[in-house]
Amino acid sequence: MLPLHLGALHPMEQALTVLLAFGPFLVLGVVIVLRRRAEEREGEEADAAPDPVADSVTTSDAAPDAAPGVAPEVAPEVAPGVADRDD
């Protein structure tokens, strides 16, 4: 029976085999590093940017006894007929 070995590989074939075996893992590692750096940069920019929600609440929107910048509490809506029941 003839073994499945095809003989020694040419140096170019060896390099190609190593590249095909480990290349995808190297590319994946580079992509992960670049994405993490980009996400860190985005996080730093988000921390430095003013919060548009906090800036939209003014003291005129709040109740007179509420602290400045605190949104007033709104009573929850009740479905019609629920509050009228006498159980």
C-alpha atoms as a PDB file:
ATOM      1  CA  MET A   1       0.000   0.000   0.000  1.00  0.00           C
ATOM      2  CA  LEU A   2       1.318   3.437  -0.909  1.00  0.00           C
ATOM      3  CA  PRO A   3       1.387   5.963   1.959  1.00  0.00           C
ATOM      4  CA  LEU A   4      -0.468   9.265   1.469  1.00  0.00           C
ATOM      5  CA  HIS A   5       2.748  11.270   1.826  1.00  0.00           C
ATOM      6  CA  LEU A   6       3.576  13.219  -1.306  1.00  0.00           C
ATOM      7  CA  GLY A   7       7.243  13.859  -0.459  1.00  0.00           C
ATOM      8  CA  ALA A   8       9.117  16.891   0.790  1.00  0.00           C
ATOM      9  CA  LEU A   9       7.573  20.258   0.112  1.00  0.00           C
ATOM     10  CA  HIS A  10       9.352  22.950  -1.835  1.00  0.00           C
ATOM     11  CA  PRO A  11      10.313  25.963   0.367  1.00  0.00           C
ATOM     12  CA  MET A  12       7.665  28.085  -1.376  1.00  0.00           C
ATOM     13  CA  GLU A  13       5.054  25.416  -0.631  1.00  0.00           C
ATOM     14  CA  GLN A  14       6.154  25.286   2.998  1.00  0.00           C
ATOM     15  CA  ALA A  15       5.758  29.058   3.319  1.00  0.00           C
ATOM     16  CA  LEU A  16       2.335  28.922   1.670  1.00  0.00           C
ATOM     17  CA  THR A  17       1.230  26.114   3.993  1.00  0.00           C
ATOM     18  CA  VAL A  18       2.323  28.054   7.085  1.00  0.00           C
ATOM     19  CA  LEU A  19       0.602  31.177   5.772  1.00  0.00           C
ATOM     20  CA  LEU A  20      -2.643  29.295   5.135  1.00  0.00           C
ATOM     21  CA  ALA A  21      -2.455  27.591   8.531  1.00  0.00           C
ATOM     22  CA  PHE A  22      -1.721  30.633  10.693  1.00  0.00           C
ATOM     23  CA  GLY A  23      -2.715  33.600   8.509  1.00  0.00           C
ATOM     24  CA  PRO A  24      -6.408  33.679   9.448  1.00  0.00           C
ATOM     25  CA  PHE A  25      -5.551  33.733  13.159  1.00  0.00           C
ATOM     26  CA  LEU A  26      -3.115  36.611  12.642  1.00  0.00           C
ATOM     27  CA  VAL A  27      -5.722  38.589  10.672  1.00  0.00           C
ATOM     28  CA  LEU A  28      -8.320  37.931  13.370  1.00  0.00           C
ATOM     29  CA  GLY A  29      -5.925  39.146  16.061  1.00  0.00           C
ATOM     30  CA  VAL A  30      -5.225  42.370  14.154  1.00  0.00           C
ATOM     31  CA  VAL A  31      -8.947  43.003  13.647  1.00  0.00           C
ATOM     32  CA  ILE A  32      -9.660  42.484  17.356  1.00  0.00           C
ATOM     33  CA  VAL A  33      -6.883  44.882  18.386  1.00  0.00           C
ATOM     34  CA  LEU A  34      -8.046  47.573  15.945  1.00  0.00           C
ATOM     35  CA  ARG A  35     -11.716  47.268  16.985  1.00  0.00           C
ATOM     36  CA  ARG A  36     -10.839  47.510  20.690  1.00  0.00           C
ATOM     37  CA  ARG A  37      -8.797  50.649  20.053  1.00  0.00           C
ATOM     38  CA  ALA A  38     -11.661  52.167  18.067  1.00  0.00           C
ATOM     39  CA  GLU A  39     -14.182  51.326  20.797  1.00  0.00           C
ATOM     40  CA  GLU A  40     -11.920  52.838  23.469  1.00  0.00           C
ATOM     41  CA  ARG A  41     -11.621  56.002  21.372  1.00  0.00           C
ATOM     42  CA  GLU A  42     -15.417  56.148  20.953  1.00  0.00           C
ATOM     43  CA  GLY A  43     -15.872  55.664  24.697  1.00  0.00           C
ATOM     44  CA  GLU A  44     -13.477  58.486  25.489  1.00  0.00           C
ATOM     45  CA  GLU A  45     -15.253  60.776  23.016  1.00  0.00           C
ATOM     46  CA  ALA A  46     -18.624  59.868  24.521  1.00  0.00           C
ATOM     47  CA  ASP A  47     -17.330  60.650  28.021  1.00  0.00           C
ATOM     48  CA  ALA A  48     -16.006  64.014  26.872  1.00  0.00           C
ATOM     49  CA  ALA A  49     -19.203  64.982  25.013  1.00  0.00           C
ATOM     50  CA  PRO A  50     -21.976  66.731  26.974  1.00  0.00           C
ATOM     51  CA  ASP A  51     -25.080  64.700  27.798  1.00  0.00           C
ATOM     52  CA  PRO A  52     -27.949  66.069  25.649  1.00  0.00           C
ATOM     53  CA  VAL A  53     -30.619  64.510  27.902  1.00  0.00           C
ATOM     54  CA  ALA A  54     -29.285  66.116  31.066  1.00  0.00           C
ATOM     55  CA  ASP A  55     -28.925  69.455  29.289  1.00  0.00           C
ATOM     56  CA  SER A  56     -32.532  69.388  28.041  1.00  0.00           C
ATOM     57  CA  VAL A  57     -33.998  69.362  31.567  1.00  0.00           C
ATOM     58  CA  THR A  58     -34.164  72.896  32.885  1.00  0.00           C
ATOM     59  CA  THR A  59     -35.372  74.334  36.156  1.00  0.00           C
ATOM     60  CA  SER A  60     -38.507  75.666  34.451  1.00  0.00           C
ATOM     61  CA  ASP A  61     -39.457  72.085  33.510  1.00  0.00           C
ATOM     62  CA  ALA A  62     -39.073  70.830  37.065  1.00  0.00           C
ATOM     63  CA  ALA A  63     -41.583  71.200  39.854  1.00  0.00           C
ATOM     64  CA  PRO A  64     -41.044  74.275  42.067  1.00  0.00           C
ATOM     65  CA  ASP A  65     -39.891  72.179  45.025  1.00  0.00           C
ATOM     66  CA  ALA A  66     -37.656  69.894  42.944  1.00  0.00           C
ATOM     67  CA  ALA A  67     -33.918  70.290  42.813  1.00  0.00           C
ATOM     68  CA  PRO A  68     -32.536  72.008  39.702  1.00  0.00           C
ATOM     69  CA  GLY A  69     -31.951  69.627  36.836  1.00  0.00           C
ATOM     70  CA  VAL A  70     -34.258  66.938  38.238  1.00  0.00           C
ATOM     71  CA  ALA A  71     -37.236  65.945  36.116  1.00  0.00           C
ATOM     72  CA  PRO A  72     -40.625  66.119  37.829  1.00  0.00           C
ATOM     73  CA  GLU A  73     -42.314  62.871  38.759  1.00  0.00           C
ATOM     74  CA  VAL A  74     -45.340  62.052  36.670  1.00  0.00           C
ATOM     75  CA  ALA A  75     -48.212  60.020  38.059  1.00  0.00           C
ATOM     76  CA  PRO A  76     -48.607  56.681  36.265  1.00  0.00           C
ATOM     77  CA  GLU A  77     -51.545  56.400  33.929  1.00  0.00           C
ATOM     78  CA  VAL A  78     -54.345  54.113  35.011  1.00  0.00           C
ATOM     79  CA  ALA A  79     -56.529  52.272  32.558  1.00  0.00           C
ATOM     80  CA  PRO A  80     -60.104  53.619  32.363  1.00  0.00           C
ATOM     81  CA  GLY A  81     -62.412  51.951  34.832  1.00  0.00           C
ATOM     82  CA  VAL A  82     -59.647  50.458  36.975  1.00  0.00           C
ATOM     83  CA  ALA A  83     -59.638  53.233  39.562  1.00  0.00           C
ATOM     84  CA  ASP A  84     -63.469  53.208  39.773  1.00  0.00           C
ATOM     85  CA  ARG A  85     -63.779  49.586  40.923  1.00  0.00           C
ATOM     86  CA  ASP A  86     -64.802  48.850  44.492  1.00  0.00           C
ATOM     87  CA  ASP A  87     -63.402  45.397  45.247  1.00  0.00           C
END
